[in-house]
Amino acid sequence: MASLSSFRRIDRPVTTSVPKQYDISSSIPTVPPRAPGTKPWINGNTLISSGNRDLDSVLGGGICLGTVTLVEEDRFSDHALVLSKYFLAQGVSGMHQCLVIGAEGSKAALQKTFVVQLPFDLTYKKNQQEQQEREDRP
């Protein structure tokens, strides 16, 4: 009986070669490198520390990277300033880019009052020493 199909079966050995883009070793997901001072969290998110262990535990391990955190200041306490300093010090120690936004004052006033009082401050003191040495030269 003749087959009505136009496809013919050829009895040749089938060789399988996997193209490079479908290589099994490349299908295994690789873990991207993490930034210093961060830790992985659920759903592929990354956490950074607030600089305060107790606050990190209340927040579930830290602050999610890529989010904006607003710390509102209370005029009768300095908790917001302390939290901001610890958070900024944690970022500086991890070599992260940090941004401080304040309502009043200039850059020089901010450096004199805020940056100098950070728990971890290396660059400002080094810059101060270099500037002092330049001024002392004849």
N, C-alpha and C. Protein backbone atom coordinates (compact mmCIF):
# COMPACT_ATOMS: atom_id res chain seq x y z
N MET A 1 0.84 -1.16 0.00
CA MET A 1 0.00 0.00 0.00
C MET A 1 0.90 1.23 0.00
N ALA A 2 0.63 2.15 -0.83
CA ALA A 2 1.41 3.37 -0.98
C ALA A 2 1.00 4.38 0.08
N SER A 3 2.01 5.09 0.54
CA SER A 3 1.74 6.11 1.55
C SER A 3 1.37 7.40 0.86
N LEU A 4 0.42 8.10 1.40
CA LEU A 4 -0.01 9.37 0.83
C LEU A 4 0.83 10.56 1.32
N SER A 5 1.71 10.32 2.27
CA SER A 5 2.52 11.39 2.83
C SER A 5 3.67 11.72 1.89
N SER A 6 4.01 12.97 1.80
CA SER A 6 5.13 13.38 0.96
C SER A 6 6.47 13.26 1.70
N PHE A 7 6.41 12.98 3.00
CA PHE A 7 7.64 12.82 3.78
C PHE A 7 8.13 11.40 3.66
N ARG A 8 9.38 11.22 3.41
CA ARG A 8 9.96 9.89 3.31
C ARG A 8 10.93 9.68 4.45
N ARG A 9 10.94 8.52 4.97
CA ARG A 9 11.84 8.18 6.06
C ARG A 9 13.15 7.71 5.45
N ILE A 10 14.24 8.28 5.91
CA ILE A 10 15.55 7.88 5.47
C ILE A 10 16.22 7.20 6.64
N ASP A 11 16.70 6.00 6.43
CA ASP A 11 17.32 5.25 7.51
C ASP A 11 18.81 5.55 7.58
N ARG A 12 19.14 6.73 8.04
CA ARG A 12 20.52 7.13 8.28
C ARG A 12 20.70 7.37 9.77
N PRO A 13 21.90 7.13 10.27
CA PRO A 13 22.11 7.43 11.69
C PRO A 13 22.00 8.94 11.94
N VAL A 14 21.35 9.27 13.01
CA VAL A 14 21.15 10.69 13.35
C VAL A 14 22.25 11.12 14.30
N THR A 15 22.94 12.18 13.93
CA THR A 15 23.97 12.74 14.81
C THR A 15 23.40 14.01 15.43
N THR A 16 23.60 14.13 16.68
CA THR A 16 23.11 15.33 17.36
C THR A 16 24.28 16.20 17.74
N SER A 17 24.22 17.40 17.35
CA SER A 17 25.22 18.38 17.78
C SER A 17 24.46 19.58 18.35
N VAL A 18 24.89 20.01 19.48
CA VAL A 18 24.22 21.11 20.15
C VAL A 18 24.94 22.40 19.78
N PRO A 19 24.21 23.37 19.23
CA PRO A 19 24.86 24.66 18.93
C PRO A 19 25.38 25.30 20.22
N LYS A 20 26.38 26.16 20.07
CA LYS A 20 27.00 26.77 21.24
C LYS A 20 26.01 27.58 22.08
N GLN A 21 25.06 28.24 21.42
CA GLN A 21 24.13 29.05 22.20
C GLN A 21 23.19 28.19 23.03
N TYR A 22 23.09 26.90 22.74
CA TYR A 22 22.24 26.00 23.51
C TYR A 22 23.06 25.01 24.32
N ASP A 23 24.29 25.35 24.59
CA ASP A 23 25.15 24.47 25.36
C ASP A 23 24.58 24.32 26.77
N ILE A 24 24.62 23.11 27.29
CA ILE A 24 24.03 22.84 28.60
C ILE A 24 24.72 23.64 29.69
N SER A 25 26.03 23.80 29.61
CA SER A 25 26.75 24.53 30.65
C SER A 25 26.36 26.01 30.67
N SER A 26 25.93 26.56 29.53
CA SER A 26 25.53 27.96 29.51
C SER A 26 24.10 28.15 29.99
N SER A 27 23.33 27.06 30.10
CA SER A 27 21.95 27.21 30.55
C SER A 27 21.86 27.26 32.07
N ILE A 28 22.95 26.98 32.76
CA ILE A 28 22.96 27.06 34.21
C ILE A 28 23.10 28.54 34.58
N PRO A 29 22.14 29.06 35.33
CA PRO A 29 22.22 30.48 35.65
C PRO A 29 23.41 30.77 36.55
N THR A 30 24.09 31.86 36.25
CA THR A 30 25.22 32.27 37.06
C THR A 30 24.77 33.37 38.01
N VAL A 31 25.40 33.44 39.14
CA VAL A 31 25.07 34.45 40.13
C VAL A 31 25.89 35.69 39.82
N PRO A 32 25.22 36.84 39.60
CA PRO A 32 25.99 38.05 39.32
C PRO A 32 26.75 38.49 40.56
N PRO A 33 27.88 39.15 40.37
CA PRO A 33 28.65 39.60 41.53
C PRO A 33 27.87 40.64 42.32
N ARG A 34 28.02 40.59 43.64
CA ARG A 34 27.32 41.54 44.50
C ARG A 34 28.23 42.70 44.85
N ALA A 35 27.63 43.84 45.06
CA ALA A 35 28.37 45.01 45.50
C ALA A 35 28.81 44.80 46.95
N PRO A 36 29.93 45.39 47.35
CA PRO A 36 30.36 45.22 48.74
C PRO A 36 29.34 45.81 49.71
N GLY A 37 29.14 45.12 50.82
CA GLY A 37 28.21 45.61 51.83
C GLY A 37 26.76 45.27 51.55
N THR A 38 26.50 44.39 50.59
CA THR A 38 25.13 44.00 50.27
C THR A 38 24.94 42.51 50.52
N LYS A 39 23.68 42.11 50.60
CA LYS A 39 23.39 40.68 50.74
C LYS A 39 22.13 40.36 49.95
N PRO A 40 22.05 39.15 49.40
CA PRO A 40 20.89 38.78 48.60
C PRO A 40 19.65 38.61 49.47
N TRP A 41 18.51 38.86 48.88
CA TRP A 41 17.23 38.75 49.58
C TRP A 41 16.25 38.03 48.68
N ILE A 42 15.01 37.95 49.04
CA ILE A 42 14.01 37.21 48.27
C ILE A 42 13.72 37.89 46.93
N ASN A 43 13.30 37.09 45.96
CA ASN A 43 12.91 37.55 44.62
C ASN A 43 14.02 38.30 43.90
N GLY A 44 15.26 37.97 44.17
CA GLY A 44 16.37 38.59 43.47
C GLY A 44 16.71 39.98 43.94
N ASN A 45 16.09 40.47 44.99
CA ASN A 45 16.40 41.79 45.52
C ASN A 45 17.69 41.73 46.33
N THR A 46 18.26 42.89 46.56
CA THR A 46 19.49 43.01 47.33
C THR A 46 19.26 43.97 48.48
N LEU A 47 19.79 43.63 49.65
CA LEU A 47 19.64 44.47 50.83
C LEU A 47 20.96 45.15 51.18
N ILE A 48 20.84 46.36 51.70
CA ILE A 48 21.98 47.06 52.27
C ILE A 48 21.66 47.35 53.73
N SER A 49 22.67 47.45 54.54
CA SER A 49 22.46 47.69 55.96
C SER A 49 22.19 49.16 56.22
N SER A 50 21.38 49.43 57.22
CA SER A 50 21.12 50.81 57.62
C SER A 50 22.23 51.34 58.51
N GLY A 51 23.15 50.47 58.91
CA GLY A 51 24.22 50.86 59.82
C GLY A 51 23.86 50.62 61.27
N ASN A 52 22.62 50.23 61.52
CA ASN A 52 22.14 49.95 62.87
C ASN A 52 21.53 48.55 62.89
N ARG A 53 22.12 47.64 63.64
CA ARG A 53 21.69 46.24 63.64
C ARG A 53 20.24 46.09 64.07
N ASP A 54 19.81 46.84 65.09
CA ASP A 54 18.43 46.72 65.56
C ASP A 54 17.43 47.22 64.52
N LEU A 55 17.75 48.31 63.86
CA LEU A 55 16.86 48.81 62.80
C LEU A 55 16.81 47.82 61.64
N ASP A 56 17.95 47.22 61.30
CA ASP A 56 17.96 46.21 60.23
C ASP A 56 17.05 45.05 60.56
N SER A 57 17.05 44.60 61.81
CA SER A 57 16.19 43.47 62.17
C SER A 57 14.72 43.86 62.12
N VAL A 58 14.39 45.09 62.47
CA VAL A 58 13.00 45.56 62.37
C VAL A 58 12.57 45.64 60.91
N LEU A 59 13.48 46.04 60.04
CA LEU A 59 13.17 46.18 58.61
C LEU A 59 13.23 44.87 57.85
N GLY A 60 13.54 43.78 58.51
CA GLY A 60 13.59 42.48 57.84
C GLY A 60 14.96 42.15 57.27
N GLY A 61 16.00 42.79 57.77
CA GLY A 61 17.34 42.47 57.31
C GLY A 61 18.09 43.65 56.76
N GLY A 62 17.42 44.72 56.44
CA GLY A 62 18.07 45.90 55.89
C GLY A 62 17.13 46.66 54.98
N ILE A 63 17.69 47.54 54.18
CA ILE A 63 16.93 48.36 53.25
C ILE A 63 17.16 47.83 51.85
N CYS A 64 16.09 47.69 51.09
CA CYS A 64 16.18 47.14 49.73
C CYS A 64 16.92 48.12 48.83
N LEU A 65 17.92 47.63 48.14
CA LEU A 65 18.74 48.44 47.25
C LEU A 65 17.87 48.97 46.11
N GLY A 66 18.04 50.23 45.77
CA GLY A 66 17.27 50.84 44.70
C GLY A 66 16.02 51.53 45.17
N THR A 67 15.82 51.61 46.48
CA THR A 67 14.66 52.31 47.01
C THR A 67 15.10 53.62 47.64
N VAL A 68 14.15 54.49 47.86
CA VAL A 68 14.41 55.77 48.50
C VAL A 68 13.86 55.69 49.92
N THR A 69 14.67 56.06 50.88
CA THR A 69 14.25 56.03 52.28
C THR A 69 14.25 57.45 52.82
N LEU A 70 13.12 57.86 53.34
CA LEU A 70 12.98 59.20 53.90
C LEU A 70 12.99 59.08 55.42
N VAL A 71 13.89 59.80 56.05
CA VAL A 71 13.94 59.85 57.51
C VAL A 71 13.50 61.24 57.91
N GLU A 72 12.34 61.31 58.55
CA GLU A 72 11.81 62.61 58.96
C GLU A 72 12.39 63.00 60.31
N GLU A 73 12.80 64.23 60.40
CA GLU A 73 13.44 64.71 61.61
C GLU A 73 12.40 65.21 62.61
N ASP A 74 12.63 64.87 63.87
CA ASP A 74 11.80 65.36 64.97
C ASP A 74 12.57 66.48 65.64
N ARG A 75 11.95 67.61 65.83
CA ARG A 75 12.70 68.75 66.36
C ARG A 75 13.13 68.57 67.81
N PHE A 76 12.53 67.62 68.52
CA PHE A 76 12.86 67.43 69.93
C PHE A 76 13.87 66.30 70.18
N SER A 77 14.30 65.62 69.13
CA SER A 77 15.31 64.56 69.30
C SER A 77 16.24 64.56 68.10
N ASP A 78 17.37 63.90 68.26
CA ASP A 78 18.34 63.84 67.17
C ASP A 78 18.46 62.44 66.59
N HIS A 79 17.41 61.62 66.73
CA HIS A 79 17.46 60.26 66.21
C HIS A 79 17.63 60.22 64.69
N ALA A 80 16.99 61.14 63.99
CA ALA A 80 17.09 61.16 62.53
C ALA A 80 18.52 61.45 62.10
N LEU A 81 19.17 62.36 62.79
CA LEU A 81 20.56 62.70 62.46
C LEU A 81 21.48 61.52 62.72
N VAL A 82 21.28 60.83 63.84
CA VAL A 82 22.10 59.67 64.17
C VAL A 82 21.90 58.56 63.14
N LEU A 83 20.64 58.28 62.79
CA LEU A 83 20.37 57.24 61.78
C LEU A 83 20.98 57.61 60.44
N SER A 84 20.88 58.88 60.06
CA SER A 84 21.46 59.32 58.79
C SER A 84 22.97 59.15 58.78
N LYS A 85 23.61 59.47 59.88
CA LYS A 85 25.07 59.33 59.97
C LYS A 85 25.50 57.88 59.86
N TYR A 86 24.80 56.99 60.57
CA TYR A 86 25.16 55.57 60.50
C TYR A 86 24.91 55.00 59.11
N PHE A 87 23.82 55.41 58.48
CA PHE A 87 23.51 54.92 57.14
C PHE A 87 24.55 55.41 56.14
N LEU A 88 24.92 56.67 56.23
CA LEU A 88 25.93 57.23 55.34
C LEU A 88 27.29 56.60 55.59
N ALA A 89 27.63 56.37 56.85
CA ALA A 89 28.91 55.72 57.17
C ALA A 89 28.95 54.30 56.61
N GLN A 90 27.83 53.59 56.67
CA GLN A 90 27.75 52.24 56.11
C GLN A 90 27.97 52.29 54.60
N GLY A 91 27.38 53.28 53.94
CA GLY A 91 27.56 53.42 52.49
C GLY A 91 28.99 53.78 52.12
N VAL A 92 29.61 54.66 52.88
CA VAL A 92 30.99 55.06 52.60
C VAL A 92 31.93 53.88 52.81
N SER A 93 31.71 53.10 53.87
CA SER A 93 32.59 51.96 54.13
C SER A 93 32.43 50.88 53.06
N GLY A 94 31.26 50.81 52.41
CA GLY A 94 31.04 49.85 51.33
C GLY A 94 31.39 50.42 49.97
N MET A 95 31.97 51.62 49.92
CA MET A 95 32.36 52.30 48.68
C MET A 95 31.16 52.55 47.76
N HIS A 96 30.00 52.86 48.34
CA HIS A 96 28.82 53.17 47.55
C HIS A 96 28.76 54.67 47.30
N GLN A 97 28.01 55.06 46.28
CA GLN A 97 27.78 56.48 46.05
C GLN A 97 26.67 56.92 46.99
N CYS A 98 26.91 57.99 47.73
CA CYS A 98 25.96 58.44 48.75
C CYS A 98 25.51 59.86 48.44
N LEU A 99 24.28 60.15 48.82
CA LEU A 99 23.71 61.47 48.60
C LEU A 99 23.00 61.89 49.87
N VAL A 100 23.30 63.10 50.34
CA VAL A 100 22.63 63.66 51.51
C VAL A 100 21.92 64.92 51.04
N ILE A 101 20.64 65.00 51.33
CA ILE A 101 19.86 66.18 50.97
C ILE A 101 19.38 66.83 52.25
N GLY A 102 19.68 68.10 52.40
CA GLY A 102 19.26 68.83 53.59
C GLY A 102 18.50 70.08 53.20
N ALA A 103 17.78 70.62 54.14
CA ALA A 103 16.94 71.77 53.86
C ALA A 103 17.71 73.08 53.88
N GLU A 104 18.69 73.18 54.74
CA GLU A 104 19.39 74.46 54.86
C GLU A 104 20.89 74.26 54.97
N GLY A 105 21.62 75.32 54.70
CA GLY A 105 23.08 75.26 54.83
C GLY A 105 23.76 75.06 53.49
N SER A 106 25.05 75.35 53.48
CA SER A 106 25.84 75.20 52.28
C SER A 106 26.67 73.92 52.35
N LYS A 107 27.41 73.65 51.29
CA LYS A 107 28.27 72.47 51.25
C LYS A 107 29.34 72.54 52.34
N ALA A 108 29.92 73.71 52.52
CA ALA A 108 30.96 73.86 53.54
C ALA A 108 30.39 73.64 54.94
N ALA A 109 29.18 74.16 55.18
CA ALA A 109 28.54 73.96 56.49
C ALA A 109 28.21 72.49 56.70
N LEU A 110 27.78 71.82 55.65
CA LEU A 110 27.46 70.39 55.74
C LEU A 110 28.72 69.59 56.08
N GLN A 111 29.84 69.93 55.44
CA GLN A 111 31.09 69.22 55.72
C GLN A 111 31.56 69.46 57.15
N LYS A 112 31.38 70.68 57.63
CA LYS A 112 31.85 70.99 58.98
C LYS A 112 30.98 70.34 60.05
N THR A 113 29.68 70.29 59.83
CA THR A 113 28.79 69.81 60.89
C THR A 113 28.40 68.35 60.75
N PHE A 114 28.29 67.85 59.54
CA PHE A 114 27.74 66.51 59.34
C PHE A 114 28.80 65.49 58.97
N VAL A 115 29.57 65.77 57.93
CA VAL A 115 30.53 64.80 57.41
C VAL A 115 31.66 64.55 58.41
N VAL A 116 32.11 65.57 59.10
CA VAL A 116 33.20 65.40 60.06
C VAL A 116 32.78 64.50 61.22
N GLN A 117 31.50 64.50 61.57
CA GLN A 117 31.02 63.73 62.71
C GLN A 117 30.62 62.30 62.35
N LEU A 118 30.84 61.88 61.11
CA LEU A 118 30.47 60.52 60.73
C LEU A 118 31.30 59.50 61.49
N PRO A 119 30.71 58.34 61.81
CA PRO A 119 31.49 57.31 62.49
C PRO A 119 32.63 56.76 61.65
N PHE A 120 32.54 56.86 60.34
CA PHE A 120 33.57 56.33 59.45
C PHE A 120 33.87 57.41 58.42
N ASP A 121 34.90 58.21 58.67
CA ASP A 121 35.22 59.31 57.77
C ASP A 121 36.70 59.27 57.44
N LEU A 122 37.03 58.94 56.22
CA LEU A 122 38.42 58.90 55.80
C LEU A 122 38.76 60.00 54.82
N THR A 123 37.89 60.22 53.86
CA THR A 123 38.23 61.11 52.76
C THR A 123 38.29 62.57 53.18
N TYR A 124 37.39 63.01 54.04
CA TYR A 124 37.37 64.41 54.41
C TYR A 124 38.64 64.79 55.17
N LYS A 125 39.05 63.94 56.11
CA LYS A 125 40.26 64.24 56.88
C LYS A 125 41.49 64.24 55.98
N LYS A 126 41.54 63.31 55.03
CA LYS A 126 42.67 63.26 54.11
C LYS A 126 42.70 64.52 53.24
N ASN A 127 41.54 64.95 52.75
CA ASN A 127 41.47 66.16 51.93
C ASN A 127 41.86 67.39 52.75
N GLN A 128 41.45 67.42 54.02
CA GLN A 128 41.81 68.54 54.88
C GLN A 128 43.33 68.61 55.06
N GLN A 129 43.98 67.46 55.27
CA GLN A 129 45.43 67.43 55.46
C GLN A 129 46.15 67.89 54.19
N GLU A 130 45.69 67.41 53.03
CA GLU A 130 46.31 67.81 51.77
C GLU A 130 46.14 69.30 51.53
N GLN A 131 44.97 69.84 51.84
CA GLN A 131 44.73 71.26 51.65
C GLN A 131 45.61 72.08 52.60
N GLN A 132 45.77 71.63 53.82
CA GLN A 132 46.61 72.32 54.80
C GLN A 132 48.07 72.31 54.34
N GLU A 133 48.54 71.18 53.79
CA GLU A 133 49.91 71.09 53.30
C GLU A 133 50.14 72.03 52.13
N ARG A 134 49.14 72.16 51.23
CA ARG A 134 49.27 73.07 50.10
C ARG A 134 49.34 74.52 50.56
N GLU A 135 48.56 74.86 51.57
CA GLU A 135 48.57 76.23 52.08
C GLU A 135 49.87 76.57 52.80
N ASP A 136 50.48 75.57 53.43
CA ASP A 136 51.72 75.79 54.18
C ASP A 136 52.95 75.92 53.28
N ARG A 137 52.85 75.45 52.03
CA ARG A 137 54.00 75.53 51.11
C ARG A 137 54.24 76.98 50.71
N PRO A 138 55.54 77.37 50.57
CA PRO A 138 55.85 78.76 50.17
C PRO A 138 55.56 79.04 48.72
